[in-house]
Structure formats: C-alpha cells, structure tokens
C-alpha cells in the first residue's frame, strides 16, 4: 500500500509517498481503509522536529481519517468489517491508504457524514469540545469568543457553542472566513485585524466582557484577550507559535483564569465522554465539519505549506 513517510525532520518536502507493507490487526486492533485524511497544524510541528513528543524515524504522519473497517483482530467487538468510521489517533499513521488503530480509536461515522467530513472530526472537534466543556467548563447562557472561527477548531467550537446555548462571537481575517463563521452559527462575527474589534466585543456584551475565549494564536492575541474578559472569565490556549508578553495585573480584578488545553491530556473517561458527545452531534446533524480543500495524498507537502501559510478556511483533506 502507499503511505507518506518521513525519514528526517525538516521542511514539508521531507514527506515522501512510498510503498510500504500493509499492517495486520492484532488483538484489539482495527485496520481501516482510508478514504480521507485530516491535516492538522500539530502535524507540521511534529514533521519539523519542533514538537516535544517526537516520534521515532521513519514514521507516517497523521491521526485523523474517515474510512471503512477493512479487518479486525481477535477480541474486537464494537466494529466489524464494512463499518463506516472516523479515527481518533492511529497506531501506524493516517497519511496512508490503510491505517491500524486500537478498537478505542475508531468511532461510528453516520451515513449522512462524508468521509472527508469524518476526517475533520477528531483533532478539531475534540480540541474544541475539550477546551469549551472540559477545561473552561462553559455553561448555557455564557458568551464565548472564538478567535479564529473559520479554521477547523474554530468551526467546531462555533457549532458546539451554539448547540450548547452559548452566545458565540467569532473572528476571522477574511470576508470568506467571516461568512463561513456566520454560516456555522456565530451570533456575531468580527474582523480580528480591525483595530476596533475589541471595543466592539465590549459593546456587544454591554461592557461586561466575555466569559470564555478560545485562543488559537496566543502569541499574538493573549495580551489583548485579557482586556475583554468578564469577571471570572477563562482563556483557553489551544494554539501558539511563540512567546508572548502579558500584563498579569489584568487578571487580578477579573479573577481570570488562563488555561492550557492538550487533547492528549484527556483521561480515558474524558475521551469516551467527548467522543460520545461528538458522535451524537454528528448523528443528529448538529455537528457538520466544514471541508475547505481536498488534495491528493501525494501532495501532503503542499497541504502542510497551505495550512501554515494561508488564512484558515475549513479543513484541508488528503485523498489517498
């Protein structure tokens, strides 16, 4: 079978499409025929060698896929060959024609959800759900600011927040991104490049501020985020590309919390709860992953360039 392989850390071009042996599922394992692969920013950090938990070389990138169960190992009971599934991590990497998973890493994909959409579930929706509900503990009636509402995590957070009874303020840097955020359910959409957008947030909340901020680019925004937090507000740092200077005095009168979010930090119980919620949302139509672009698997390097160099708009998908 064909798979993307990385033999050395570096620029996107270190990823090569190669012929590799097809994995065979052992006890408790599931082999998935991959129809679509989700590309996530974290995979670019790992490939570049800039991630704390670097895999041994060579390796196949990726955790997220939508596909069909091809085979199961002894003891597998939750899925059977032919079942449509999405993956939440893999043992062998998802940038491939087939990927090997633990039984706990595959989840039902409803028939009305495309494989490309299924490939856009795990990292974006798991991150958004964990940030909103497991870390910030957002409750109905609160106001959430989604900084970067047109990207994969931003779209997921907007849909989840809207469905849970939160008032969602989304930001995006382009007209198309702002249209997407509005289409996904944001009550208010702002241009985060506009100098007055923070003032507008305060106006929208009658100068109370927002209860929760989901921050995708903390090195740029965190210092200003603290200015628009309500009393008891929480900022959840989902992504950052460098250090940032903040004024900690802004946290004092607000009794603010700055929280990190690491999806791999979820306990088994939290992960089970999280995917149960996502599965229900996919089944009832509340959650609809937005696919921004589809590229052939052989163009994985191009996908990595685009996810880091262009304005986020939905999910980038690779097709084996």
C-alpha atoms as a PDB file:
ATOM      1  CA  UNK A   1       0.000   0.000   0.000  1.00  0.00           C
ATOM      2  CA  UNK A   2       1.033   3.641  -0.368  1.00  0.00           C
ATOM      3  CA  UNK A   3       1.818   5.894   2.590  1.00  0.00           C
ATOM      4  CA  UNK A   4       3.577   9.150   3.325  1.00  0.00           C
ATOM      5  CA  UNK A   5       6.871   8.524   5.122  1.00  0.00           C
ATOM      6  CA  UNK A   6       9.148  10.927   6.984  1.00  0.00           C
ATOM      7  CA  UNK A   7      12.791   9.804   7.285  1.00  0.00           C
ATOM      8  CA  UNK A   8      14.148  13.070   8.718  1.00  0.00           C
ATOM      9  CA  UNK A   9      12.643  16.120  10.386  1.00  0.00           C
ATOM     10  CA  UNK A  10      12.536  19.277   8.312  1.00  0.00           C
ATOM     11  CA  UNK A  11      10.547  21.200   5.727  1.00  0.00           C
ATOM     12  CA  UNK A  12       7.318  19.777   4.238  1.00  0.00           C
ATOM     13  CA  UNK A  13       9.280  18.257   1.350  1.00  0.00           C
ATOM     14  CA  UNK A  14      10.763  15.616   3.665  1.00  0.00           C
ATOM     15  CA  UNK A  15       7.415  13.833   3.316  1.00  0.00           C
ATOM     16  CA  UNK A  16       7.535  11.228   0.540  1.00  0.00           C
ATOM     17  CA  UNK A  17       4.894   8.911  -0.887  1.00  0.00           C
ATOM     18  CA  UNK A  18       6.272   5.369  -0.653  1.00  0.00           C
ATOM     19  CA  UNK A  19       5.177   1.759  -0.968  1.00  0.00           C
ATOM     20  CA  UNK A  20       5.002   0.073   2.460  1.00  0.00           C
ATOM     21  CA  UNK A  21       3.750  -3.196   3.881  1.00  0.00           C
ATOM     22  CA  UNK A  22       0.087  -3.327   4.828  1.00  0.00           C
ATOM     23  CA  UNK A  23      -0.434  -3.562   8.604  1.00  0.00           C
ATOM     24  CA  UNK A  24      -2.210  -6.585  10.039  1.00  0.00           C
ATOM     25  CA  UNK A  25      -4.518  -6.106  13.025  1.00  0.00           C
ATOM     26  CA  UNK A  26      -3.587  -7.929  16.202  1.00  0.00           C
ATOM     27  CA  UNK A  27      -5.701  -8.491  19.287  1.00  0.00           C
ATOM     28  CA  UNK A  28      -7.911  -5.485  19.984  1.00  0.00           C
ATOM     29  CA  UNK A  29      -6.837  -3.733  16.788  1.00  0.00           C
ATOM     30  CA  UNK A  30      -8.716  -2.483  13.723  1.00  0.00           C
ATOM     31  CA  UNK A  31      -7.448  -1.932  10.171  1.00  0.00           C
ATOM     32  CA  UNK A  32      -9.183   0.961   8.411  1.00  0.00           C
ATOM     33  CA  UNK A  33      -9.308   1.515   4.653  1.00  0.00           C
ATOM     34  CA  UNK A  34      -8.704   5.265   4.497  1.00  0.00           C
ATOM     35  CA  UNK A  35     -10.943   7.321   2.208  1.00  0.00           C
ATOM     36  CA  UNK A  36      -9.917  10.744   3.527  1.00  0.00           C
ATOM     37  CA  UNK A  37      -7.180  12.141   5.799  1.00  0.00           C
ATOM     38  CA  UNK A  38      -7.474  15.213   8.022  1.00  0.00           C
ATOM     39  CA  UNK A  39      -4.470  17.568   8.075  1.00  0.00           C
ATOM     40  CA  UNK A  40      -3.804  19.380  11.365  1.00  0.00           C
ATOM     41  CA  UNK A  41      -1.296  22.092  12.325  1.00  0.00           C
ATOM     42  CA  UNK A  42       0.224  19.853  15.016  1.00  0.00           C
ATOM     43  CA  UNK A  43       1.436  17.510  12.274  1.00  0.00           C
ATOM     44  CA  UNK A  44       3.510  20.318  10.793  1.00  0.00           C
ATOM     45  CA  UNK A  45       5.213  20.914  14.146  1.00  0.00           C
ATOM     46  CA  UNK A  46       5.982  17.206  14.542  1.00  0.00           C
ATOM     47  CA  UNK A  47       7.334  16.941  10.992  1.00  0.00           C
ATOM     48  CA  UNK A  48       9.557  19.971  11.554  1.00  0.00           C
ATOM     49  CA  UNK A  49      11.015  18.437  14.720  1.00  0.00           C
ATOM     50  CA  UNK A  50       9.575  21.268  16.800  1.00  0.00           C
ATOM     51  CA  UNK A  51       7.253  19.168  18.937  1.00  0.00           C
ATOM     52  CA  UNK A  52       8.108  17.863  22.391  1.00  0.00           C
ATOM     53  CA  UNK A  53       6.890  14.312  21.732  1.00  0.00           C
ATOM     54  CA  UNK A  54       8.757  13.483  18.530  1.00  0.00           C
ATOM     55  CA  UNK A  55       8.058  10.043  17.003  1.00  0.00           C
ATOM     56  CA  UNK A  56      10.902   7.701  16.109  1.00  0.00           C
ATOM     57  CA  UNK A  57      12.031   7.909  12.486  1.00  0.00           C
ATOM     58  CA  UNK A  58      10.853   6.916   9.971  1.00  0.00           C
ATOM     59  CA  UNK A  59       7.148   7.441  10.580  1.00  0.00           C
ATOM     60  CA  UNK A  60       3.841   8.093   8.822  1.00  0.00           C
ATOM     61  CA  UNK A  61       2.132  11.304   9.972  1.00  0.00           C
ATOM     62  CA  UNK A  62      -1.470  11.764  10.936  1.00  0.00           C
ATOM     63  CA  UNK A  63      -4.125  10.791  13.439  1.00  0.00           C
ATOM     64  CA  UNK A  64      -7.403  11.633  11.704  1.00  0.00           C
ATOM     65  CA  UNK A  65      -9.149   9.724   8.939  1.00  0.00           C
ATOM     66  CA  UNK A  66     -12.546   8.804   7.613  1.00  0.00           C
ATOM     67  CA  UNK A  67     -12.949   5.361   6.112  1.00  0.00           C
ATOM     68  CA  UNK A  68     -14.271   1.827   6.312  1.00  0.00           C
ATOM     69  CA  UNK A  69     -13.185  -1.012   8.584  1.00  0.00           C
ATOM     70  CA  UNK A  70     -11.149  -3.411   6.417  1.00  0.00           C
ATOM     71  CA  UNK A  71     -10.329  -6.040   9.048  1.00  0.00           C
ATOM     72  CA  UNK A  72     -10.410  -6.583  12.803  1.00  0.00           C
ATOM     73  CA  UNK A  73      -8.200  -8.530  15.168  1.00  0.00           C
ATOM     74  CA  UNK A  74      -9.211 -11.020  17.867  1.00  0.00           C
ATOM     75  CA  UNK A  75     -11.407  -9.629  20.621  1.00  0.00           C
ATOM     76  CA  UNK A  76     -12.763  -6.621  18.702  1.00  0.00           C
ATOM     77  CA  UNK A  77     -16.500  -6.255  19.409  1.00  0.00           C
ATOM     78  CA  UNK A  78     -17.517  -2.643  18.743  1.00  0.00           C
ATOM     79  CA  UNK A  79     -16.907  -2.591  14.988  1.00  0.00           C
ATOM     80  CA  UNK A  80     -16.894  -5.057  12.081  1.00  0.00           C
ATOM     81  CA  UNK A  81     -15.548  -5.079   8.526  1.00  0.00           C
ATOM     82  CA  UNK A  82     -17.584  -2.730   6.324  1.00  0.00           C
ATOM     83  CA  UNK A  83     -18.458  -0.280   9.111  1.00  0.00           C
ATOM     84  CA  UNK A  84     -18.007   3.421   8.338  1.00  0.00           C
ATOM     85  CA  UNK A  85     -15.764   5.050  10.963  1.00  0.00           C
ATOM     86  CA  UNK A  86     -13.663   8.048  11.828  1.00  0.00           C
ATOM     87  CA  UNK A  87     -10.407   7.695  13.722  1.00  0.00           C
ATOM     88  CA  UNK A  88      -9.167   9.420  16.842  1.00  0.00           C
ATOM     89  CA  UNK A  89      -5.446   8.676  16.592  1.00  0.00           C
ATOM     90  CA  UNK A  90      -3.855   5.656  14.990  1.00  0.00           C
ATOM     91  CA  UNK A  91      -1.013   3.229  15.608  1.00  0.00           C
ATOM     92  CA  UNK A  92       0.527   3.476  12.142  1.00  0.00           C
ATOM     93  CA  UNK A  93      -0.352   6.989  10.906  1.00  0.00           C
ATOM     94  CA  UNK A  94      -3.315   8.171   8.843  1.00  0.00           C
ATOM     95  CA  UNK A  95      -1.455   9.618   5.817  1.00  0.00           C
ATOM     96  CA  UNK A  96      -1.833   6.254   4.095  1.00  0.00           C
ATOM     97  CA  UNK A  97      -4.203   4.036   2.137  1.00  0.00           C
ATOM     98  CA  UNK A  98      -4.807   1.963   5.277  1.00  0.00           C
ATOM     99  CA  UNK A  99      -4.183   2.701   8.935  1.00  0.00           C
ATOM    100  CA  UNK A 100      -4.000   0.499  12.031  1.00  0.00           C
ATOM    101  CA  UNK A 101      -5.885   1.573  15.154  1.00  0.00           C
ATOM    102  CA  UNK A 102      -6.839   0.337  18.579  1.00  0.00           C
ATOM    103  CA  UNK A 103     -10.521  -0.512  18.864  1.00  0.00           C
ATOM    104  CA  UNK A 104     -10.929   2.519  21.160  1.00  0.00           C
ATOM    105  CA  UNK A 105      -9.567   4.786  18.395  1.00  0.00           C
ATOM    106  CA  UNK A 106     -12.359   4.157  15.887  1.00  0.00           C
ATOM    107  CA  UNK A 107     -15.851   5.630  16.132  1.00  0.00           C
ATOM    108  CA  UNK A 108     -19.066   5.268  14.106  1.00  0.00           C
ATOM    109  CA  UNK A 109     -19.461   7.639  11.157  1.00  0.00           C
ATOM    110  CA  UNK A 110     -23.150   8.225  10.343  1.00  0.00           C
ATOM    111  CA  UNK A 111     -24.137   7.642   6.710  1.00  0.00           C
ATOM    112  CA  UNK A 112     -25.028  11.289   6.093  1.00  0.00           C
ATOM    113  CA  UNK A 113     -21.497  12.405   7.063  1.00  0.00           C
ATOM    114  CA  UNK A 114     -18.968  12.164   4.213  1.00  0.00           C
ATOM    115  CA  UNK A 115     -15.587  10.520   4.648  1.00  0.00           C
ATOM    116  CA  UNK A 116     -13.946  13.929   4.139  1.00  0.00           C
ATOM    117  CA  UNK A 117     -16.077  15.350   6.946  1.00  0.00           C
ATOM    118  CA  UNK A 118     -15.245  12.329   9.086  1.00  0.00           C
ATOM    119  CA  UNK A 119     -11.555  13.051   8.598  1.00  0.00           C
ATOM    120  CA  UNK A 120     -12.230  16.507  10.026  1.00  0.00           C
ATOM    121  CA  UNK A 121     -13.744  15.325  13.299  1.00  0.00           C
ATOM    122  CA  UNK A 122     -11.075  14.188  15.736  1.00  0.00           C
ATOM    123  CA  UNK A 123      -8.494  16.898  16.354  1.00  0.00           C
ATOM    124  CA  UNK A 124     -10.704  19.933  15.579  1.00  0.00           C
ATOM    125  CA  UNK A 125     -13.836  18.784  17.381  1.00  0.00           C
ATOM    126  CA  UNK A 126     -12.046  17.027  20.232  1.00  0.00           C
ATOM    127  CA  UNK A 127      -9.954  20.149  20.830  1.00  0.00           C
ATOM    128  CA  UNK A 128     -12.992  22.428  20.695  1.00  0.00           C
ATOM    129  CA  UNK A 129     -15.072  20.208  22.983  1.00  0.00           C
ATOM    130  CA  UNK A 130     -12.274  19.736  25.499  1.00  0.00           C
ATOM    131  CA  UNK A 131     -11.480  23.450  25.508  1.00  0.00           C
ATOM    132  CA  UNK A 132     -15.096  24.564  25.892  1.00  0.00           C
ATOM    133  CA  UNK A 133     -16.522  21.998  28.255  1.00  0.00           C
ATOM    134  CA  UNK A 134     -13.731  20.057  29.946  1.00  0.00           C
ATOM    135  CA  UNK A 135     -11.299  22.930  30.518  1.00  0.00           C
ATOM    136  CA  UNK A 136     -13.363  26.159  30.519  1.00  0.00           C
ATOM    137  CA  UNK A 137     -16.490  24.372  31.804  1.00  0.00           C
ATOM    138  CA  UNK A 138     -18.685  26.675  29.721  1.00  0.00           C
ATOM    139  CA  UNK A 139     -22.384  26.693  30.606  1.00  0.00           C
ATOM    140  CA  UNK A 140     -25.512  27.742  28.683  1.00  0.00           C
ATOM    141  CA  UNK A 141     -26.039  31.491  28.685  1.00  0.00           C
ATOM    142  CA  UNK A 142     -22.351  32.376  28.752  1.00  0.00           C
ATOM    143  CA  UNK A 143     -20.598  34.323  25.991  1.00  0.00           C
ATOM    144  CA  UNK A 144     -17.675  32.716  24.166  1.00  0.00           C
ATOM    145  CA  UNK A 145     -15.201  34.471  21.878  1.00  0.00           C
ATOM    146  CA  UNK A 146     -13.764  32.115  19.246  1.00  0.00           C
ATOM    147  CA  UNK A 147     -10.601  33.769  17.970  1.00  0.00           C
ATOM    148  CA  UNK A 148     -10.142  32.240  14.520  1.00  0.00           C
ATOM    149  CA  UNK A 149     -13.654  30.934  13.907  1.00  0.00           C
ATOM    150  CA  UNK A 150     -13.072  29.987  10.263  1.00  0.00           C
ATOM    151  CA  UNK A 151     -10.429  27.289  10.899  1.00  0.00           C
ATOM    152  CA  UNK A 152     -11.065  23.645  11.740  1.00  0.00           C
ATOM    153  CA  UNK A 153     -11.150  24.107  15.540  1.00  0.00           C
ATOM    154  CA  UNK A 154     -12.961  27.438  15.199  1.00  0.00           C
ATOM    155  CA  UNK A 155     -15.772  25.963  13.112  1.00  0.00           C
ATOM    156  CA  UNK A 156     -16.107  23.086  15.579  1.00  0.00           C
ATOM    157  CA  UNK A 157     -16.203  25.433  18.569  1.00  0.00           C
ATOM    158  CA  UNK A 158     -18.796  27.631  16.915  1.00  0.00           C
ATOM    159  CA  UNK A 159     -21.111  24.692  16.209  1.00  0.00           C
ATOM    160  CA  UNK A 160     -20.616  23.183  19.661  1.00  0.00           C
ATOM    161  CA  UNK A 161     -21.106  26.504  21.428  1.00  0.00           C
ATOM    162  CA  UNK A 162     -24.227  27.369  19.508  1.00  0.00           C
ATOM    163  CA  UNK A 163     -25.749  23.949  20.158  1.00  0.00           C
ATOM    164  CA  UNK A 164     -24.997  24.237  23.891  1.00  0.00           C
ATOM    165  CA  UNK A 165     -26.784  27.560  24.338  1.00  0.00           C
ATOM    166  CA  UNK A 166     -23.739  29.822  24.373  1.00  0.00           C
ATOM    167  CA  UNK A 167     -23.636  33.196  22.658  1.00  0.00           C
ATOM    168  CA  UNK A 168     -20.831  32.884  20.123  1.00  0.00           C
ATOM    169  CA  UNK A 169     -18.686  35.783  18.933  1.00  0.00           C
ATOM    170  CA  UNK A 170     -16.401  34.621  16.126  1.00  0.00           C
ATOM    171  CA  UNK A 171     -13.479  36.382  14.477  1.00  0.00           C
ATOM    172  CA  UNK A 172     -11.826  35.792  11.119  1.00  0.00           C
ATOM    173  CA  UNK A 173      -9.370  37.696   8.956  1.00  0.00           C
ATOM    174  CA  UNK A 174     -11.063  37.455   5.553  1.00  0.00           C
ATOM    175  CA  UNK A 175     -14.508  38.117   4.117  1.00  0.00           C
ATOM    176  CA  UNK A 176     -14.891  34.447   3.159  1.00  0.00           C
ATOM    177  CA  UNK A 177     -13.803  33.363   6.630  1.00  0.00           C
ATOM    178  CA  UNK A 178     -16.312  35.667   8.274  1.00  0.00           C
ATOM    179  CA  UNK A 179     -19.083  34.367   6.017  1.00  0.00           C
ATOM    180  CA  UNK A 180     -18.158  30.814   7.000  1.00  0.00           C
ATOM    181  CA  UNK A 181     -18.218  31.671  10.708  1.00  0.00           C
ATOM    182  CA  UNK A 182     -21.676  33.193  10.334  1.00  0.00           C
ATOM    183  CA  UNK A 183     -22.904  30.184   8.355  1.00  0.00           C
ATOM    184  CA  UNK A 184     -21.683  27.855  11.114  1.00  0.00           C
ATOM    185  CA  UNK A 185     -23.759  29.625  13.745  1.00  0.00           C
ATOM    186  CA  UNK A 186     -21.771  32.538  15.191  1.00  0.00           C
ATOM    187  CA  UNK A 187     -24.167  35.145  16.563  1.00  0.00           C
ATOM    188  CA  UNK A 188     -21.682  37.935  15.861  1.00  0.00           C
ATOM    189  CA  UNK A 189     -18.694  37.927  13.509  1.00  0.00           C
ATOM    190  CA  UNK A 190     -15.802  40.398  13.635  1.00  0.00           C
ATOM    191  CA  UNK A 191     -12.623  41.111  11.693  1.00  0.00           C
ATOM    192  CA  UNK A 192      -9.742  40.410  14.087  1.00  0.00           C
ATOM    193  CA  UNK A 193      -7.483  42.696  12.057  1.00  0.00           C
ATOM    194  CA  UNK A 194      -9.774  45.697  12.634  1.00  0.00           C
ATOM    195  CA  UNK A 195      -8.294  47.968  15.340  1.00  0.00           C
ATOM    196  CA  UNK A 196     -11.711  48.476  16.912  1.00  0.00           C
ATOM    197  CA  UNK A 197     -12.733  44.812  17.169  1.00  0.00           C
ATOM    198  CA  UNK A 198     -12.027  44.587  20.915  1.00  0.00           C
ATOM    199  CA  UNK A 199     -14.108  47.700  21.538  1.00  0.00           C
ATOM    200  CA  UNK A 200     -16.887  46.106  19.504  1.00  0.00           C
ATOM    201  CA  UNK A 201     -16.725  42.993  21.714  1.00  0.00           C
ATOM    202  CA  UNK A 202     -17.270  45.145  24.781  1.00  0.00           C
ATOM    203  CA  UNK A 203     -20.198  46.866  23.103  1.00  0.00           C
ATOM    204  CA  UNK A 204     -21.781  43.549  22.183  1.00  0.00           C
ATOM    205  CA  UNK A 205     -21.563  42.422  25.810  1.00  0.00           C
ATOM    206  CA  UNK A 206     -22.734  45.764  27.227  1.00  0.00           C
ATOM    207  CA  UNK A 207     -19.219  46.288  28.629  1.00  0.00           C
ATOM    208  CA  UNK A 208     -19.400  43.103  30.716  1.00  0.00           C
ATOM    209  CA  UNK A 209     -16.871  41.209  28.606  1.00  0.00           C
ATOM    210  CA  UNK A 210     -16.855  37.570  27.503  1.00  0.00           C
ATOM    211  CA  UNK A 211     -16.895  34.559  29.788  1.00  0.00           C
ATOM    212  CA  UNK A 212     -14.699  32.274  27.681  1.00  0.00           C
ATOM    213  CA  UNK A 213     -12.088  32.901  24.991  1.00  0.00           C
ATOM    214  CA  UNK A 214     -10.801  30.080  22.804  1.00  0.00           C
ATOM    215  CA  UNK A 215      -7.395  31.244  21.608  1.00  0.00           C
ATOM    216  CA  UNK A 216      -5.805  29.697  18.519  1.00  0.00           C
ATOM    217  CA  UNK A 217      -2.869  32.115  18.293  1.00  0.00           C
ATOM    218  CA  UNK A 218      -1.950  33.083  21.834  1.00  0.00           C
ATOM    219  CA  UNK A 219       1.423  34.598  20.919  1.00  0.00           C
ATOM    220  CA  UNK A 220      -0.458  37.310  19.014  1.00  0.00           C
ATOM    221  CA  UNK A 221      -3.670  37.754  20.976  1.00  0.00           C
ATOM    222  CA  UNK A 222      -3.305  36.696  24.615  1.00  0.00           C
ATOM    223  CA  UNK A 223      -2.243  40.078  25.959  1.00  0.00           C
ATOM    224  CA  UNK A 224      -5.294  41.778  24.477  1.00  0.00           C
ATOM    225  CA  UNK A 225      -7.651  38.905  25.308  1.00  0.00           C
ATOM    226  CA  UNK A 226      -7.358  39.758  28.986  1.00  0.00           C
ATOM    227  CA  UNK A 227      -8.803  43.212  28.300  1.00  0.00           C
ATOM    228  CA  UNK A 228     -12.182  41.816  27.206  1.00  0.00           C
ATOM    229  CA  UNK A 229     -12.699  39.099  29.825  1.00  0.00           C
ATOM    230  CA  UNK A 230     -15.681  39.235  32.144  1.00  0.00           C
ATOM    231  CA  UNK A 231     -15.295  38.676  35.874  1.00  0.00           C
ATOM    232  CA  UNK A 232     -14.365  35.021  36.365  1.00  0.00           C
ATOM    233  CA  UNK A 233     -13.505  34.734  32.681  1.00  0.00           C
ATOM    234  CA  UNK A 234     -11.378  31.927  31.246  1.00  0.00           C
ATOM    235  CA  UNK A 235      -8.954  31.978  28.330  1.00  0.00           C
ATOM    236  CA  UNK A 236      -8.160  28.546  26.914  1.00  0.00           C
ATOM    237  CA  UNK A 237      -4.913  28.444  24.929  1.00  0.00           C
ATOM    238  CA  UNK A 238      -5.408  25.996  22.066  1.00  0.00           C
ATOM    239  CA  UNK A 239      -2.540  27.148  19.864  1.00  0.00           C
ATOM    240  CA  UNK A 240       0.507  29.392  19.991  1.00  0.00           C
ATOM    241  CA  UNK A 241       3.519  29.845  17.739  1.00  0.00           C
ATOM    242  CA  UNK A 242       5.844  31.597  20.144  1.00  0.00           C
ATOM    243  CA  UNK A 243       6.176  33.545  23.403  1.00  0.00           C
ATOM    244  CA  UNK A 244       4.026  36.484  24.410  1.00  0.00           C
ATOM    245  CA  UNK A 245       4.218  39.301  26.968  1.00  0.00           C
ATOM    246  CA  UNK A 246       1.122  39.961  29.067  1.00  0.00           C
ATOM    247  CA  UNK A 247       0.246  42.297  31.921  1.00  0.00           C
ATOM    248  CA  UNK A 248      -0.733  39.952  34.768  1.00  0.00           C
ATOM    249  CA  UNK A 249      -2.412  42.858  36.562  1.00  0.00           C
ATOM    250  CA  UNK A 250      -5.293  42.472  34.101  1.00  0.00           C
ATOM    251  CA  UNK A 251      -6.075  39.071  35.635  1.00  0.00           C
ATOM    252  CA  UNK A 252      -6.473  40.395  39.174  1.00  0.00           C
ATOM    253  CA  UNK A 253      -9.739  42.383  39.140  1.00  0.00           C
ATOM    254  CA  UNK A 254     -11.322  39.824  36.822  1.00  0.00           C
ATOM    255  CA  UNK A 255     -10.085  36.817  38.822  1.00  0.00           C
ATOM    256  CA  UNK A 256      -9.265  35.470  35.403  1.00  0.00           C
ATOM    257  CA  UNK A 257      -8.004  32.022  34.501  1.00  0.00           C
ATOM    258  CA  UNK A 258      -5.567  31.238  31.693  1.00  0.00           C
ATOM    259  CA  UNK A 259      -5.839  27.538  30.883  1.00  0.00           C
ATOM    260  CA  UNK A 260      -3.823  25.307  28.601  1.00  0.00           C
ATOM    261  CA  UNK A 261      -5.553  22.661  26.512  1.00  0.00           C
ATOM    262  CA  UNK A 262      -3.878  19.435  25.398  1.00  0.00           C
ATOM    263  CA  UNK A 263      -6.173  16.887  23.788  1.00  0.00           C
ATOM    264  CA  UNK A 264      -3.723  14.083  24.549  1.00  0.00           C
ATOM    265  CA  UNK A 265      -4.132  15.032  28.205  1.00  0.00           C
ATOM    266  CA  UNK A 266      -7.703  13.753  28.308  1.00  0.00           C
ATOM    267  CA  UNK A 267      -8.245  10.755  30.561  1.00  0.00           C
ATOM    268  CA  UNK A 268      -9.821   7.611  29.124  1.00  0.00           C
ATOM    269  CA  UNK A 269     -13.106   8.610  30.748  1.00  0.00           C
ATOM    270  CA  UNK A 270     -12.916  12.141  29.322  1.00  0.00           C
ATOM    271  CA  UNK A 271     -12.094  10.813  25.854  1.00  0.00           C
ATOM    272  CA  UNK A 272     -15.017   8.390  25.980  1.00  0.00           C
ATOM    273  CA  UNK A 273     -17.379  11.165  27.070  1.00  0.00           C
ATOM    274  CA  UNK A 274     -16.024  13.520  24.437  1.00  0.00           C
ATOM    275  CA  UNK A 275     -16.478  11.119  21.517  1.00  0.00           C
ATOM    276  CA  UNK A 276     -19.919  10.093  22.749  1.00  0.00           C
ATOM    277  CA  UNK A 277     -20.943  13.751  22.556  1.00  0.00           C
ATOM    278  CA  UNK A 278     -19.365  14.225  19.131  1.00  0.00           C
ATOM    279  CA  UNK A 279     -20.999  11.055  17.814  1.00  0.00           C
ATOM    280  CA  UNK A 280     -24.409  12.263  18.964  1.00  0.00           C
ATOM    281  CA  UNK A 281     -23.833  15.642  17.300  1.00  0.00           C
ATOM    282  CA  UNK A 282     -22.810  14.033  14.011  1.00  0.00           C
ATOM    283  CA  UNK A 283     -25.819  11.706  14.102  1.00  0.00           C
ATOM    284  CA  UNK A 284     -28.400  14.420  14.775  1.00  0.00           C
ATOM    285  CA  UNK A 285     -26.884  16.916  12.354  1.00  0.00           C
ATOM    286  CA  UNK A 286     -25.792  19.462  14.956  1.00  0.00           C
ATOM    287  CA  UNK A 287     -22.138  18.996  14.001  1.00  0.00           C
ATOM    288  CA  UNK A 288     -21.149  19.354  10.349  1.00  0.00           C
ATOM    289  CA  UNK A 289     -17.376  19.549   9.709  1.00  0.00           C
ATOM    290  CA  UNK A 290     -16.576  22.118   7.021  1.00  0.00           C
ATOM    291  CA  UNK A 291     -14.190  20.882   4.341  1.00  0.00           C
ATOM    292  CA  UNK A 292     -12.146  23.705   2.877  1.00  0.00           C
ATOM    293  CA  UNK A 293      -9.947  21.882   0.373  1.00  0.00           C
ATOM    294  CA  UNK A 294      -9.189  18.378  -0.859  1.00  0.00           C
ATOM    295  CA  UNK A 295      -5.765  17.388  -2.217  1.00  0.00           C
ATOM    296  CA  UNK A 296      -4.254  14.065  -3.350  1.00  0.00           C
ATOM    297  CA  UNK A 297      -2.247  12.196  -0.700  1.00  0.00           C
ATOM    298  CA  UNK A 298       0.874  12.691  -2.818  1.00  0.00           C
ATOM    299  CA  UNK A 299       0.543  16.443  -2.224  1.00  0.00           C
ATOM    300  CA  UNK A 300       0.943  16.213   1.553  1.00  0.00           C
ATOM    301  CA  UNK A 301       3.832  18.706   1.415  1.00  0.00           C
ATOM    302  CA  UNK A 302       1.595  21.235  -0.308  1.00  0.00           C
ATOM    303  CA  UNK A 303      -1.079  20.696   2.347  1.00  0.00           C
ATOM    304  CA  UNK A 304       1.464  21.439   5.097  1.00  0.00           C
ATOM    305  CA  UNK A 305       2.545  24.636   3.362  1.00  0.00           C
ATOM    306  CA  UNK A 306      -1.041  25.764   2.943  1.00  0.00           C
ATOM    307  CA  UNK A 307      -2.193  25.050   6.479  1.00  0.00           C
ATOM    308  CA  UNK A 308       0.600  27.248   7.879  1.00  0.00           C
ATOM    309  CA  UNK A 309       0.829  29.938   5.205  1.00  0.00           C
ATOM    310  CA  UNK A 310      -2.766  30.706   4.236  1.00  0.00           C
ATOM    311  CA  UNK A 311      -5.780  32.005   6.099  1.00  0.00           C
ATOM    312  CA  UNK A 312      -7.694  29.149   7.684  1.00  0.00           C
ATOM    313  CA  UNK A 313     -10.931  28.253   5.916  1.00  0.00           C
ATOM    314  CA  UNK A 314     -12.417  24.916   6.839  1.00  0.00           C
ATOM    315  CA  UNK A 315     -10.465  21.683   6.854  1.00  0.00           C
ATOM    316  CA  UNK A 316      -7.678  20.583   4.500  1.00  0.00           C
ATOM    317  CA  UNK A 317      -8.212  16.958   3.466  1.00  0.00           C
ATOM    318  CA  UNK A 318      -5.902  14.497   1.705  1.00  0.00           C
ATOM    319  CA  UNK A 319      -7.416  11.815  -0.522  1.00  0.00           C
ATOM    320  CA  UNK A 320      -5.422   8.541  -0.907  1.00  0.00           C
END
